[in-house]
PDB file of N, CA and C in Angstrom:
ATOM      1  N   MET A   1      -2.333  -0.420 -18.273  1.00  0.00           N
ATOM      2  CA  MET A   1      -0.913  -0.380 -18.520  1.00  0.00           C
ATOM      3  C   MET A   1      -0.430   1.036 -18.235  1.00  0.00           C
ATOM      4  N   LEU A   2       0.567   1.124 -17.383  1.00  0.00           N
ATOM      5  CA  LEU A   2       1.168   2.419 -17.079  1.00  0.00           C
ATOM      6  C   LEU A   2       2.656   2.372 -17.376  1.00  0.00           C
ATOM      7  N   ASN A   3       3.139   3.329 -18.127  1.00  0.00           N
ATOM      8  CA  ASN A   3       4.578   3.489 -18.289  1.00  0.00           C
ATOM      9  C   ASN A   3       5.097   4.099 -16.997  1.00  0.00           C
ATOM     10  N   ALA A   4       5.726   3.262 -16.187  1.00  0.00           N
ATOM     11  CA  ALA A   4       5.992   3.657 -14.811  1.00  0.00           C
ATOM     12  C   ALA A   4       7.466   3.670 -14.440  1.00  0.00           C
ATOM     13  N   GLY A   5       8.346   3.899 -15.354  1.00  0.00           N
ATOM     14  CA  GLY A   5       9.767   3.884 -15.022  1.00  0.00           C
ATOM     15  C   GLY A   5      10.311   5.186 -14.489  1.00  0.00           C
ATOM     16  N   GLU A   6       9.456   6.202 -14.392  1.00  0.00           N
ATOM     17  CA  GLU A   6       9.882   7.550 -13.974  1.00  0.00           C
ATOM     18  C   GLU A   6      11.066   8.028 -14.821  1.00  0.00           C
ATOM     19  N   ALA A   7      10.924   7.823 -16.130  1.00  0.00           N
ATOM     20  CA  ALA A   7      11.982   8.242 -17.054  1.00  0.00           C
ATOM     21  C   ALA A   7      12.144   9.752 -17.022  1.00  0.00           C
ATOM     22  N   THR A   8      13.369  10.182 -17.134  1.00  0.00           N
ATOM     23  CA  THR A   8      13.676  11.611 -17.140  1.00  0.00           C
ATOM     24  C   THR A   8      14.638  11.908 -18.284  1.00  0.00           C
ATOM     25  N   TYR A   9      14.626  13.139 -18.721  1.00  0.00           N
ATOM     26  CA  TYR A   9      15.605  13.576 -19.711  1.00  0.00           C
ATOM     27  C   TYR A   9      16.953  13.755 -19.026  1.00  0.00           C
ATOM     28  N   VAL A  10      18.017  13.417 -19.702  1.00  0.00           N
ATOM     29  CA  VAL A  10      19.343  13.588 -19.115  1.00  0.00           C
ATOM     30  C   VAL A  10      19.682  15.055 -18.906  1.00  0.00           C
ATOM     31  N   THR A  11      18.986  15.943 -19.598  1.00  0.00           N
ATOM     32  CA  THR A  11      19.240  17.376 -19.463  1.00  0.00           C
ATOM     33  C   THR A  11      18.474  18.007 -18.308  1.00  0.00           C
ATOM     34  N   GLY A  12      17.686  17.205 -17.603  1.00  0.00           N
ATOM     35  CA  GLY A  12      16.960  17.726 -16.455  1.00  0.00           C
ATOM     36  C   GLY A  12      15.469  17.814 -16.697  1.00  0.00           C
ATOM     37  N   GLY A  13      14.780  18.360 -15.729  1.00  0.00           N
ATOM     38  CA  GLY A  13      13.333  18.461 -15.802  1.00  0.00           C
ATOM     39  C   GLY A  13      12.670  17.332 -15.038  1.00  0.00           C
ATOM     40  N   GLY A  14      11.372  17.349 -14.991  1.00  0.00           N
ATOM     41  CA  GLY A  14      10.615  16.337 -14.267  1.00  0.00           C
ATOM     42  C   GLY A  14      10.468  15.058 -15.063  1.00  0.00           C
ATOM     43  N   PRO A  15       9.897  14.049 -14.422  1.00  0.00           N
ATOM     44  CA  PRO A  15       9.698  12.760 -15.089  1.00  0.00           C
ATOM     45  C   PRO A  15       8.772  12.888 -16.299  1.00  0.00           C
ATOM     46  N   ILE A  16       9.056  12.070 -17.323  1.00  0.00           N
ATOM     47  CA  ILE A  16       8.212  12.041 -18.510  1.00  0.00           C
ATOM     48  C   ILE A  16       7.335  10.787 -18.546  1.00  0.00           C
ATOM     49  N   THR A  17       7.564   9.867 -17.606  1.00  0.00           N
ATOM     50  CA  THR A  17       6.654   8.737 -17.396  1.00  0.00           C
ATOM     51  C   THR A  17       6.324   8.680 -15.910  1.00  0.00           C
ATOM     52  N   MET A  18       5.412   7.830 -15.543  1.00  0.00           N
ATOM     53  CA  MET A  18       4.860   7.839 -14.193  1.00  0.00           C
ATOM     54  C   MET A  18       5.859   7.428 -13.114  1.00  0.00           C
ATOM     55  N   SER A  19       5.732   8.093 -11.984  1.00  0.00           N
ATOM     56  CA  SER A  19       6.527   7.798 -10.794  1.00  0.00           C
ATOM     57  C   SER A  19       5.733   6.858  -9.884  1.00  0.00           C
ATOM     58  N   ALA A  20       6.335   6.441  -8.797  1.00  0.00           N
ATOM     59  CA  ALA A  20       5.626   5.619  -7.811  1.00  0.00           C
ATOM     60  C   ALA A  20       4.426   6.387  -7.250  1.00  0.00           C
ATOM     61  N   ASP A  21       4.583   7.689  -7.025  1.00  0.00           N
ATOM     62  CA  ASP A  21       3.458   8.508  -6.564  1.00  0.00           C
ATOM     63  C   ASP A  21       2.311   8.457  -7.564  1.00  0.00           C
ATOM     64  N   ASP A  22       2.641   8.574  -8.843  1.00  0.00           N
ATOM     65  CA  ASP A  22       1.618   8.550  -9.893  1.00  0.00           C
ATOM     66  C   ASP A  22       0.884   7.204  -9.923  1.00  0.00           C
ATOM     67  N   VAL A  23       1.637   6.113  -9.821  1.00  0.00           N
ATOM     68  CA  VAL A  23       1.028   4.779  -9.822  1.00  0.00           C
ATOM     69  C   VAL A  23       0.061   4.646  -8.652  1.00  0.00           C
ATOM     70  N   CYS A  24       0.472   5.068  -7.474  1.00  0.00           N
ATOM     71  CA  CYS A  24      -0.409   5.000  -6.302  1.00  0.00           C
ATOM     72  C   CYS A  24      -1.640   5.873  -6.492  1.00  0.00           C
ATOM     73  N   HIS A  25      -1.462   7.040  -7.090  1.00  0.00           N
ATOM     74  CA  HIS A  25      -2.592   7.941  -7.342  1.00  0.00           C
ATOM     75  C   HIS A  25      -3.612   7.282  -8.281  1.00  0.00           C
ATOM     76  N   VAL A  26      -3.138   6.656  -9.347  1.00  0.00           N
ATOM     77  CA  VAL A  26      -4.040   5.966 -10.276  1.00  0.00           C
ATOM     78  C   VAL A  26      -4.792   4.854  -9.551  1.00  0.00           C
ATOM     79  N   CYS A  27      -4.092   4.083  -8.749  1.00  0.00           N
ATOM     80  CA  CYS A  27      -4.739   2.987  -8.014  1.00  0.00           C
ATOM     81  C   CYS A  27      -5.841   3.495  -7.093  1.00  0.00           C
ATOM     82  N   ARG A  28      -5.591   4.597  -6.449  1.00  0.00           N
ATOM     83  CA  ARG A  28      -6.610   5.153  -5.543  1.00  0.00           C
ATOM     84  C   ARG A  28      -7.763   5.796  -6.324  1.00  0.00           C
ATOM     85  N   ALA A  29      -7.459   6.372  -7.463  1.00  0.00           N
ATOM     86  CA  ALA A  29      -8.494   7.015  -8.276  1.00  0.00           C
ATOM     87  C   ALA A  29      -9.409   5.992  -8.937  1.00  0.00           C
ATOM     88  N   VAL A  30      -8.860   4.814  -9.256  1.00  0.00           N
ATOM     89  CA  VAL A  30      -9.630   3.770  -9.935  1.00  0.00           C
ATOM     90  C   VAL A  30      -9.378   2.450  -9.192  1.00  0.00           C
ATOM     91  N   PRO A  31      -9.967   2.296  -8.007  1.00  0.00           N
ATOM     92  CA  PRO A  31      -9.660   1.132  -7.174  1.00  0.00           C
ATOM     93  C   PRO A  31     -10.071  -0.205  -7.777  1.00  0.00           C
ATOM     94  N   GLU A  32     -10.959  -0.199  -8.750  1.00  0.00           N
ATOM     95  CA  GLU A  32     -11.374  -1.457  -9.375  1.00  0.00           C
ATOM     96  C   GLU A  32     -10.427  -1.881 -10.508  1.00  0.00           C
ATOM     97  N   ALA A  33      -9.468  -1.042 -10.851  1.00  0.00           N
ATOM     98  CA  ALA A  33      -8.544  -1.332 -11.948  1.00  0.00           C
ATOM     99  C   ALA A  33      -7.412  -2.245 -11.496  1.00  0.00           C
ATOM    100  N   LEU A  34      -6.982  -3.098 -12.411  1.00  0.00           N
ATOM    101  CA  LEU A  34      -5.754  -3.853 -12.239  1.00  0.00           C
ATOM    102  C   LEU A  34      -4.696  -3.132 -13.061  1.00  0.00           C
ATOM    103  N   VAL A  35      -3.671  -2.668 -12.405  1.00  0.00           N
ATOM    104  CA  VAL A  35      -2.634  -1.864 -13.038  1.00  0.00           C
ATOM    105  C   VAL A  35      -1.446  -2.758 -13.400  1.00  0.00           C
ATOM    106  N   VAL A  36      -0.959  -2.607 -14.616  1.00  0.00           N
ATOM    107  CA  VAL A  36       0.258  -3.289 -15.045  1.00  0.00           C
ATOM    108  C   VAL A  36       1.309  -2.212 -15.280  1.00  0.00           C
ATOM    109  N   ALA A  37       2.343  -2.221 -14.465  1.00  0.00           N
ATOM    110  CA  ALA A  37       3.410  -1.230 -14.564  1.00  0.00           C
ATOM    111  C   ALA A  37       4.493  -1.751 -15.500  1.00  0.00           C
ATOM    112  N   VAL A  38       4.724  -1.019 -16.576  1.00  0.00           N
ATOM    113  CA  VAL A  38       5.698  -1.423 -17.592  1.00  0.00           C
ATOM    114  C   VAL A  38       6.694  -0.297 -17.829  1.00  0.00           C
ATOM    115  N   HIS A  39       7.629  -0.537 -18.756  1.00  0.00           N
ATOM    116  CA  HIS A  39       8.646   0.449 -19.150  1.00  0.00           C
ATOM    117  C   HIS A  39       9.556   0.761 -17.976  1.00  0.00           C
ATOM    118  N   MET A  40       9.941  -0.304 -17.273  1.00  0.00           N
ATOM    119  CA  MET A  40      10.814  -0.129 -16.118  1.00  0.00           C
ATOM    120  C   MET A  40      12.128  -0.852 -16.374  1.00  0.00           C
ATOM    121  N   GLU A  41      13.218  -0.185 -16.028  1.00  0.00           N
ATOM    122  CA  GLU A  41      14.554  -0.753 -16.170  1.00  0.00           C
ATOM    123  C   GLU A  41      14.858  -1.138 -17.619  1.00  0.00           C
ATOM    124  N   THR A  42      14.168  -0.485 -18.563  1.00  0.00           N
ATOM    125  CA  THR A  42      14.368  -0.838 -19.964  1.00  0.00           C
ATOM    126  C   THR A  42      15.451   0.005 -20.629  1.00  0.00           C
ATOM    127  N   VAL A  43      15.558   1.224 -20.196  1.00  0.00           N
ATOM    128  CA  VAL A  43      16.594   2.109 -20.720  1.00  0.00           C
ATOM    129  C   VAL A  43      17.177   2.897 -19.559  1.00  0.00           C
ATOM    130  N   ASN A  44      18.344   3.467 -19.765  1.00  0.00           N
ATOM    131  CA  ASN A  44      19.049   4.089 -18.648  1.00  0.00           C
ATOM    132  C   ASN A  44      18.395   5.344 -18.094  1.00  0.00           C
ATOM    133  N   HIS A  45      17.380   5.879 -18.752  1.00  0.00           N
ATOM    134  CA  HIS A  45      16.747   7.091 -18.205  1.00  0.00           C
ATOM    135  C   HIS A  45      15.567   6.760 -17.295  1.00  0.00           C
ATOM    136  N   CYS A  46      15.306   5.477 -17.065  1.00  0.00           N
ATOM    137  CA  CYS A  46      14.247   5.064 -16.134  1.00  0.00           C
ATOM    138  C   CYS A  46      14.864   4.909 -14.749  1.00  0.00           C
ATOM    139  N   VAL A  47      14.489   5.775 -13.834  1.00  0.00           N
ATOM    140  CA  VAL A  47      15.128   5.789 -12.518  1.00  0.00           C
ATOM    141  C   VAL A  47      14.346   5.016 -11.456  1.00  0.00           C
ATOM    142  N   LEU A  48      13.110   4.602 -11.764  1.00  0.00           N
ATOM    143  CA  LEU A  48      12.302   3.841 -10.818  1.00  0.00           C
ATOM    144  C   LEU A  48      12.476   2.348 -11.114  1.00  0.00           C
ATOM    145  N   SER A  49      13.000   1.615 -10.156  1.00  0.00           N
ATOM    146  CA  SER A  49      13.221   0.182 -10.348  1.00  0.00           C
ATOM    147  C   SER A  49      11.961  -0.609  -9.997  1.00  0.00           C
ATOM    148  N   ARG A  50      11.901  -1.823 -10.483  1.00  0.00           N
ATOM    149  CA  ARG A  50      10.790  -2.710 -10.123  1.00  0.00           C
ATOM    150  C   ARG A  50      10.757  -2.938  -8.613  1.00  0.00           C
ATOM    151  N   ALA A  51      11.922  -3.171  -8.044  1.00  0.00           N
ATOM    152  CA  ALA A  51      11.985  -3.426  -6.596  1.00  0.00           C
ATOM    153  C   ALA A  51      11.457  -2.237  -5.803  1.00  0.00           C
ATOM    154  N   ALA A  52      11.832  -1.034  -6.210  1.00  0.00           N
ATOM    155  CA  ALA A  52      11.367   0.160  -5.499  1.00  0.00           C
ATOM    156  C   ALA A  52       9.859   0.322  -5.627  1.00  0.00           C
ATOM    157  N   LEU A  53       9.318   0.066  -6.820  1.00  0.00           N
ATOM    158  CA  LEU A  53       7.871   0.189  -6.988  1.00  0.00           C
ATOM    159  C   LEU A  53       7.141  -0.893  -6.202  1.00  0.00           C
ATOM    160  N   ARG A  54       7.663  -2.112  -6.209  1.00  0.00           N
ATOM    161  CA  ARG A  54       7.043  -3.186  -5.408  1.00  0.00           C
ATOM    162  C   ARG A  54       6.999  -2.810  -3.928  1.00  0.00           C
ATOM    163  N   THR A  55       8.101  -2.286  -3.434  1.00  0.00           N
ATOM    164  CA  THR A  55       8.167  -1.862  -2.031  1.00  0.00           C
ATOM    165  C   THR A  55       7.147  -0.769  -1.750  1.00  0.00           C
ATOM    166  N   ARG A  56       7.053   0.200  -2.629  1.00  0.00           N
ATOM    167  CA  ARG A  56       6.136   1.328  -2.420  1.00  0.00           C
ATOM    168  C   ARG A  56       4.674   0.898  -2.437  1.00  0.00           C
ATOM    169  N   VAL A  57       4.273   0.103  -3.457  1.00  0.00           N
ATOM    170  CA  VAL A  57       2.861  -0.276  -3.520  1.00  0.00           C
ATOM    171  C   VAL A  57       2.497  -1.198  -2.363  1.00  0.00           C
ATOM    172  N   ALA A  58       3.440  -1.998  -1.895  1.00  0.00           N
ATOM    173  CA  ALA A  58       3.182  -2.835  -0.714  1.00  0.00           C
ATOM    174  C   ALA A  58       2.972  -1.962   0.520  1.00  0.00           C
ATOM    175  N   ALA A  59       3.809  -0.963   0.689  1.00  0.00           N
ATOM    176  CA  ALA A  59       3.694  -0.058   1.831  1.00  0.00           C
ATOM    177  C   ALA A  59       2.380   0.713   1.816  1.00  0.00           C
ATOM    178  N   GLU A  60       1.867   0.984   0.621  1.00  0.00           N
ATOM    179  CA  GLU A  60       0.612   1.722   0.474  1.00  0.00           C
ATOM    180  C   GLU A  60      -0.610   0.805   0.496  1.00  0.00           C
ATOM    181  N   GLY A  61      -0.399  -0.509   0.634  1.00  0.00           N
ATOM    182  CA  GLY A  61      -1.512  -1.453   0.642  1.00  0.00           C
ATOM    183  C   GLY A  61      -2.123  -1.673  -0.732  1.00  0.00           C
ATOM    184  N   LEU A  62      -1.349  -1.460  -1.785  1.00  0.00           N
ATOM    185  CA  LEU A  62      -1.858  -1.543  -3.153  1.00  0.00           C
ATOM    186  C   LEU A  62      -1.254  -2.697  -3.947  1.00  0.00           C
ATOM    187  N   ALA A  63      -0.475  -3.548  -3.303  1.00  0.00           N
ATOM    188  CA  ALA A  63       0.271  -4.590  -4.021  1.00  0.00           C
ATOM    189  C   ALA A  63      -0.634  -5.532  -4.798  1.00  0.00           C
ATOM    190  N   GLN A  64      -1.822  -5.809  -4.302  1.00  0.00           N
ATOM    191  CA  GLN A  64      -2.719  -6.734  -5.004  1.00  0.00           C
ATOM    192  C   GLN A  64      -3.314  -6.112  -6.263  1.00  0.00           C
ATOM    193  N   GLN A  65      -3.199  -4.803  -6.388  1.00  0.00           N
ATOM    194  CA  GLN A  65      -3.778  -4.094  -7.527  1.00  0.00           C
ATOM    195  C   GLN A  65      -2.754  -3.825  -8.633  1.00  0.00           C
ATOM    196  N   VAL A  66      -1.479  -4.052  -8.339  1.00  0.00           N
ATOM    197  CA  VAL A  66      -0.426  -3.674  -9.286  1.00  0.00           C
ATOM    198  C   VAL A  66       0.416  -4.887  -9.670  1.00  0.00           C
ATOM    199  N   LEU A  67       0.477  -5.160 -10.959  1.00  0.00           N
ATOM    200  CA  LEU A  67       1.367  -6.190 -11.489  1.00  0.00           C
ATOM    201  C   LEU A  67       2.597  -5.503 -12.051  1.00  0.00           C
ATOM    202  N   ILE A  68       3.768  -6.053 -11.741  1.00  0.00           N
ATOM    203  CA  ILE A  68       5.028  -5.487 -12.206  1.00  0.00           C
ATOM    204  C   ILE A  68       5.809  -6.630 -12.849  1.00  0.00           C
ATOM    205  N   PRO A  69       5.570  -6.879 -14.127  1.00  0.00           N
ATOM    206  CA  PRO A  69       6.208  -8.030 -14.776  1.00  0.00           C
ATOM    207  C   PRO A  69       7.712  -7.851 -14.954  1.00  0.00           C
ATOM    208  N   ASP A  70       8.414  -8.976 -14.875  1.00  0.00           N
ATOM    209  CA  ASP A  70       9.842  -8.992 -15.163  1.00  0.00           C
ATOM    210  C   ASP A  70      10.046  -9.003 -16.674  1.00  0.00           C
ATOM    211  N   ASP A  71      11.252  -8.691 -17.117  1.00  0.00           N
ATOM    212  CA  ASP A  71      11.562  -8.746 -18.546  1.00  0.00           C
ATOM    213  C   ASP A  71      11.220 -10.131 -19.087  1.00  0.00           C
ATOM    214  N   GLY A  72      10.498 -10.170 -20.175  1.00  0.00           N
ATOM    215  CA  GLY A  72      10.137 -11.431 -20.817  1.00  0.00           C
ATOM    216  C   GLY A  72       8.968 -12.162 -20.203  1.00  0.00           C
ATOM    217  N   GLU A  73       8.473 -11.691 -19.070  1.00  0.00           N
ATOM    218  CA  GLU A  73       7.339 -12.341 -18.414  1.00  0.00           C
ATOM    219  C   GLU A  73       6.077 -12.116 -19.238  1.00  0.00           C
ATOM    220  N   VAL A  74       5.267 -13.160 -19.365  1.00  0.00           N
ATOM    221  CA  VAL A  74       4.013 -13.078 -20.096  1.00  0.00           C
ATOM    222  C   VAL A  74       2.866 -13.114 -19.095  1.00  0.00           C
ATOM    223  N   LEU A  75       1.989 -12.134 -19.191  1.00  0.00           N
ATOM    224  CA  LEU A  75       0.804 -12.082 -18.335  1.00  0.00           C
ATOM    225  C   LEU A  75      -0.396 -12.532 -19.149  1.00  0.00           C
ATOM    226  N   THR A  76      -1.223 -13.347 -18.546  1.00  0.00           N
ATOM    227  CA  THR A  76      -2.429 -13.822 -19.213  1.00  0.00           C
ATOM    228  C   THR A  76      -3.636 -13.382 -18.399  1.00  0.00           C
ATOM    229  N   PHE A  77      -4.601 -12.788 -19.065  1.00  0.00           N
ATOM    230  CA  PHE A  77      -5.788 -12.291 -18.379  1.00  0.00           C
ATOM    231  C   PHE A  77      -7.019 -13.062 -18.848  1.00  0.00           C
TER     232      PHE A  77
END
């Protein structure tokens, strides 16, 4: 589980949760892991959308390794 909304403080500074770059880095560092990206589009300080992350991980060839659930979606493992 990765908090991947790229949340930022309204007063500035860098992200306080993972960006798309961070998600891709984790996937490459631990290729056997199944990543679940959460904390996206939940509050207004999350600037990374689900659609943007889906596009990015697909472009990087990592889409099969990353689950990006919709609000209310239940994942069963």
